[in-house]
Amino acid sequence: MNAMANLSNGFKVTEHICSIHQVQKIQAGENHICPQCAVEHVKKIQVSDQPRVDQMVREKHLGGAMLPQRHVESAFTNYRTNTQAQADTLSQCIAYAQALIDGKKSNFIMVGSTGTGKTHLGCATAKALLKKGLYVRYITSEELAQRVMNAWDKDTKDQSEASIIYDFSQYDLLIVDEYGLHDRDKRLEIIHRVLTARYDWKKPTMLISNFTLKALKMDLGDRLWSRFQHDGLATVECKWADARTENQKD
């Protein structure tokens, strides 16, 4: 009713009656239109156009996630499970993604040697969330540290260090890959500051690393490890063979 009243406001009411709604038509230029018919027509357009709008939003989110080009097509459905351990890991990643979609926020750590499919599963998790309209960002720990350090360069600074850390603390999920491969000392401190900021904002993080779980725990330190567990933490150790070298043997 409000929409029809707003549409009618400012237009001249005519003596013509809509045969469908039995209301007076209004004059729009040289045409006589029924305000209720016009409102219903607009609603139909909005409903029919919604899939296109949803697709545009998904594509925007996908672009903003910055997934590696090699893993743009990586999904849960095309992850190869040759062992029970791989199948269990896949199930845990799917369950984690579903929990986030359901609004249950917790952290996830996936460790293991190179070539075990950790990045594939991380990107698959990201895509599952992106399809549901959540904001996800993938980044390596080295790239993350460098993004913050760029704010120190007076010649190229367009954001402050604090604003960059804030931006990374707002994603529904931040996936930090290759944790531990960044240079040490200052870069390690930066990574920990971002992770702490996400904890403060109650935002979940997925860490992917070639460290062992024990080494990762030591690298994070007692305080950050405790914070990672506060809202719930799932850990996965990928101990199977390097799929890249195995494929080369075939």
Protein backbone atom coordinates (compact mmCIF):
# COMPACT_ATOMS: atom_id res chain seq x y z
CA MET A 1 0.00 0.00 0.00
CA ASN A 2 2.84 2.43 0.86
CA ALA A 3 4.56 1.70 -2.43
CA MET A 4 1.36 2.37 -4.33
CA ALA A 5 0.76 5.59 -2.41
CA ASN A 6 4.30 6.78 -3.10
CA LEU A 7 3.88 6.00 -6.79
CA SER A 8 0.60 7.89 -6.97
CA ASN A 9 1.95 10.93 -5.13
CA GLY A 10 2.60 13.83 -7.48
CA PHE A 11 0.70 12.32 -10.42
CA LYS A 12 -2.68 13.42 -11.69
CA VAL A 13 -5.46 10.94 -10.92
CA THR A 14 -7.65 10.20 -13.95
CA GLU A 15 -11.20 8.97 -14.29
CA HIS A 16 -10.01 5.73 -15.88
CA ILE A 17 -10.46 2.62 -13.72
CA CYS A 18 -8.16 -0.42 -13.70
CA SER A 19 -10.23 -3.45 -14.70
CA ILE A 20 -8.05 -5.68 -12.48
CA HIS A 21 -7.75 -3.73 -9.25
CA GLN A 22 -10.73 -1.41 -9.60
CA VAL A 23 -8.70 1.68 -8.68
CA GLN A 24 -8.28 4.97 -10.52
CA LYS A 25 -5.37 5.17 -12.90
CA ILE A 26 -2.81 7.96 -12.83
CA GLN A 27 -1.46 9.95 -15.74
CA ALA A 28 2.23 9.43 -16.53
CA GLY A 29 3.07 11.50 -19.57
CA GLU A 30 0.59 10.46 -22.27
CA ASN A 31 -0.16 7.14 -20.59
CA HIS A 32 -2.72 6.12 -17.99
CA ILE A 33 -1.41 3.49 -15.61
CA CYS A 34 -2.73 1.65 -12.60
CA PRO A 35 -0.39 2.34 -9.66
CA GLN A 36 -0.99 -1.14 -8.23
CA CYS A 37 -0.22 -2.81 -11.56
CA ALA A 38 2.98 -0.75 -11.75
CA VAL A 39 4.08 -1.84 -8.27
CA GLU A 40 3.42 -5.51 -9.04
CA HIS A 41 5.33 -5.20 -12.31
CA VAL A 42 8.36 -3.77 -10.50
CA LYS A 43 8.23 -6.62 -7.96
CA LYS A 44 8.20 -9.19 -10.76
CA ILE A 45 11.24 -7.56 -12.33
CA GLN A 46 13.04 -7.58 -8.99
CA VAL A 47 12.28 -11.25 -8.41
CA SER A 48 13.34 -12.29 -11.91
CA ASP A 49 16.53 -10.22 -11.66
CA GLN A 50 17.55 -11.54 -8.24
CA PRO A 51 19.54 -14.54 -9.56
CA ARG A 52 21.64 -12.20 -11.70
CA VAL A 53 22.23 -9.89 -8.74
CA ASP A 54 23.18 -12.84 -6.54
CA GLN A 55 25.61 -14.06 -9.19
CA MET A 56 27.22 -10.62 -9.40
CA VAL A 57 27.66 -10.58 -5.62
CA ARG A 58 29.21 -14.06 -5.64
CA GLU A 59 31.63 -13.07 -8.41
CA LYS A 60 32.60 -9.92 -6.52
CA HIS A 61 33.25 -11.92 -3.35
CA LEU A 62 35.23 -14.53 -5.30
CA GLY A 63 37.42 -11.86 -6.86
CA GLY A 64 38.00 -10.25 -3.47
CA ALA A 65 39.03 -13.58 -1.94
CA MET A 66 42.24 -13.53 -4.03
CA LEU A 67 42.40 -17.31 -4.44
CA PRO A 68 45.52 -18.52 -6.29
CA GLN A 69 44.87 -18.99 -10.00
CA ARG A 70 45.90 -22.64 -9.74
CA HIS A 71 43.14 -23.23 -7.20
CA VAL A 72 40.27 -21.23 -8.68
CA GLU A 73 38.58 -24.50 -9.61
CA SER A 74 39.54 -26.36 -6.43
CA ALA A 75 36.49 -27.66 -4.61
CA PHE A 76 35.47 -30.33 -2.16
CA THR A 77 34.04 -32.36 -5.03
CA ASN A 78 37.33 -32.66 -6.93
CA TYR A 79 39.63 -33.35 -4.00
CA ARG A 80 41.12 -36.82 -4.44
CA THR A 81 40.86 -39.14 -1.45
CA ASN A 82 43.09 -42.17 -1.87
CA THR A 83 43.38 -42.93 1.84
CA GLN A 84 41.05 -42.92 4.81
CA ALA A 85 43.07 -40.10 6.36
CA GLN A 86 42.43 -37.93 3.29
CA ALA A 87 38.72 -38.76 3.40
CA ASP A 88 38.58 -37.85 7.09
CA THR A 89 40.36 -34.55 6.45
CA LEU A 90 37.96 -33.72 3.64
CA SER A 91 35.02 -34.45 5.95
CA GLN A 92 36.46 -32.19 8.63
CA CYS A 93 36.89 -29.31 6.17
CA ILE A 94 33.34 -29.73 4.90
CA ALA A 95 32.01 -29.80 8.46
CA TYR A 96 34.02 -26.68 9.32
CA ALA A 97 32.67 -24.80 6.31
CA GLN A 98 29.11 -25.80 7.16
CA ALA A 99 29.57 -24.70 10.78
CA LEU A 100 30.71 -21.25 9.62
CA ILE A 101 27.77 -21.01 7.24
CA ASP A 102 25.51 -21.85 10.20
CA GLY A 103 27.07 -19.02 12.20
CA LYS A 104 29.26 -21.14 14.49
CA LYS A 105 32.63 -19.42 14.59
CA SER A 106 35.80 -21.34 15.40
CA ASN A 107 39.36 -21.68 14.16
CA PHE A 108 40.95 -24.35 12.00
CA ILE A 109 44.57 -25.44 11.69
CA MET A 110 45.82 -27.72 8.93
CA VAL A 111 49.46 -28.84 8.99
CA GLY A 112 51.51 -31.29 6.97
CA SER A 113 54.24 -31.63 4.41
CA THR A 114 54.10 -30.09 0.97
CA GLY A 115 51.87 -31.55 -1.74
CA THR A 116 49.24 -33.03 0.57
CA GLY A 117 46.39 -30.86 -0.74
CA LYS A 118 46.16 -28.38 2.14
CA THR A 119 45.83 -25.34 -0.12
CA HIS A 120 43.26 -27.15 -2.26
CA LEU A 121 41.11 -27.81 0.81
CA GLY A 122 41.59 -24.28 2.10
CA CYS A 123 40.41 -22.81 -1.21
CA ALA A 124 37.54 -25.30 -1.35
CA THR A 125 36.47 -24.09 2.08
CA ALA A 126 36.67 -20.50 0.86
CA LYS A 127 34.52 -21.25 -2.19
CA ALA A 128 31.86 -22.99 -0.10
CA LEU A 129 31.56 -19.88 2.06
CA LEU A 130 31.70 -17.46 -0.87
CA LYS A 131 28.74 -19.20 -2.48
CA LYS A 132 26.75 -18.39 0.65
CA GLY A 133 27.66 -14.70 0.52
CA LEU A 134 30.34 -14.69 3.21
CA TYR A 135 33.48 -12.60 2.85
CA VAL A 136 36.65 -14.69 2.71
CA ARG A 137 40.26 -13.73 2.07
CA TYR A 138 43.12 -16.06 1.15
CA ILE A 139 46.69 -14.88 1.64
CA THR A 140 50.10 -16.33 2.45
CA SER A 141 51.74 -15.26 5.69
CA GLU A 142 54.59 -13.63 3.75
CA GLU A 143 52.16 -11.59 1.63
CA LEU A 144 50.18 -10.63 4.72
CA ALA A 145 53.26 -9.35 6.52
CA GLN A 146 54.37 -7.45 3.41
CA ARG A 147 50.96 -5.79 3.05
CA VAL A 148 51.30 -4.38 6.55
CA MET A 149 54.95 -3.41 6.07
CA ASN A 150 54.07 -1.48 2.91
CA ALA A 151 52.34 1.02 5.16
CA TRP A 152 55.77 1.93 6.56
CA ASP A 153 56.97 3.17 3.15
CA LYS A 154 56.33 6.91 3.09
CA ASP A 155 56.60 7.01 -0.71
CA THR A 156 53.85 4.45 -1.36
CA LYS A 157 51.74 4.66 1.80
CA ASP A 158 48.03 4.90 1.03
CA GLN A 159 46.81 3.16 4.21
CA SER A 160 48.02 3.18 7.77
CA GLU A 161 49.32 0.03 9.42
CA ALA A 162 46.36 0.06 11.81
CA SER A 163 43.81 0.34 9.00
CA ILE A 164 45.35 -2.60 7.11
CA ILE A 165 45.25 -4.79 10.20
CA TYR A 166 41.67 -3.68 10.76
CA ASP A 167 40.72 -4.63 7.19
CA PHE A 168 42.16 -8.12 7.63
CA SER A 169 40.30 -8.52 10.91
CA GLN A 170 36.88 -8.00 9.29
CA TYR A 171 36.65 -10.97 6.89
CA ASP A 172 34.22 -13.72 7.86
CA LEU A 173 37.15 -16.09 7.37
CA LEU A 174 40.83 -15.33 6.83
CA ILE A 175 42.88 -18.18 5.37
CA VAL A 176 46.59 -17.73 6.10
CA ASP A 177 48.56 -20.21 4.01
CA GLU A 178 52.24 -21.14 4.25
CA TYR A 179 52.39 -19.99 7.84
CA GLY A 180 56.01 -20.10 8.98
CA LEU A 181 57.57 -19.45 5.56
CA HIS A 182 57.63 -15.71 6.18
CA ASP A 183 60.87 -14.11 7.33
CA ARG A 184 61.19 -14.18 11.07
CA ASP A 185 61.41 -11.49 13.74
CA LYS A 186 59.40 -8.43 12.64
CA ARG A 187 57.23 -10.28 10.13
CA LEU A 188 56.34 -12.91 12.73
CA GLU A 189 55.25 -10.15 15.09
CA ILE A 190 53.05 -8.65 12.37
CA ILE A 191 51.35 -11.97 11.61
CA HIS A 192 50.64 -12.47 15.31
CA ARG A 193 49.16 -8.98 15.57
CA VAL A 194 46.73 -9.72 12.73
CA LEU A 195 45.74 -13.03 14.32
CA THR A 196 45.24 -11.33 17.68
CA ALA A 197 43.12 -8.61 16.06
CA ARG A 198 40.88 -11.27 14.55
CA TYR A 199 40.54 -12.91 17.95
CA ASP A 200 39.52 -9.56 19.44
CA TRP A 201 36.88 -9.13 16.70
CA LYS A 202 35.65 -12.72 17.21
CA LYS A 203 36.51 -13.66 13.63
CA PRO A 204 37.59 -17.21 12.70
CA THR A 205 40.93 -17.97 11.05
CA MET A 206 42.23 -20.95 9.10
CA LEU A 207 45.98 -21.50 9.38
CA ILE A 208 47.76 -23.75 6.87
CA SER A 209 51.38 -24.67 7.50
CA ASN A 210 54.16 -27.12 6.67
CA PHE A 211 55.07 -27.10 10.35
CA THR A 212 54.25 -30.02 12.57
CA LEU A 213 51.44 -29.26 14.99
CA LYS A 214 53.95 -29.16 17.85
CA ALA A 215 56.21 -26.71 16.02
CA LEU A 216 53.25 -24.51 15.05
CA LYS A 217 52.07 -24.38 18.65
CA MET A 218 55.54 -23.28 19.76
CA ASP A 219 55.73 -20.67 16.99
CA LEU A 220 52.40 -19.14 17.94
CA GLY A 221 53.34 -19.02 21.61
CA ASP A 222 51.22 -19.88 24.63
CA ARG A 223 49.13 -16.70 24.57
CA LEU A 224 48.09 -16.87 20.91
CA TRP A 225 47.63 -20.64 21.03
CA SER A 226 45.26 -20.17 23.97
CA ARG A 227 43.31 -17.53 22.05
CA PHE A 228 43.05 -19.82 19.04
CA GLN A 229 41.35 -22.41 21.23
CA HIS A 230 39.01 -20.01 23.02
CA ASP A 231 36.08 -20.22 20.56
CA GLY A 232 36.87 -23.76 19.45
CA LEU A 233 39.74 -25.16 17.42
CA ALA A 234 39.90 -28.06 14.95
CA THR A 235 43.32 -29.39 13.96
CA VAL A 236 44.22 -31.66 11.05
CA GLU A 237 47.57 -33.27 10.34
CA CYS A 238 48.15 -34.27 6.71
CA LYS A 239 50.75 -37.04 6.86
CA TRP A 240 50.33 -38.76 3.50
CA ALA A 241 52.66 -38.63 0.50
CA ASP A 242 53.26 -35.63 -1.75
CA ALA A 243 50.64 -35.93 -4.50
CA ARG A 244 52.75 -33.89 -6.93
CA THR A 245 55.71 -36.27 -6.85
CA GLU A 246 53.41 -39.28 -6.80
CA ASN A 247 51.72 -38.06 -9.98
CA GLN A 248 55.11 -37.70 -11.67
CA LYS A 249 55.81 -41.38 -11.03
CA ASP A 250 52.65 -42.48 -12.85
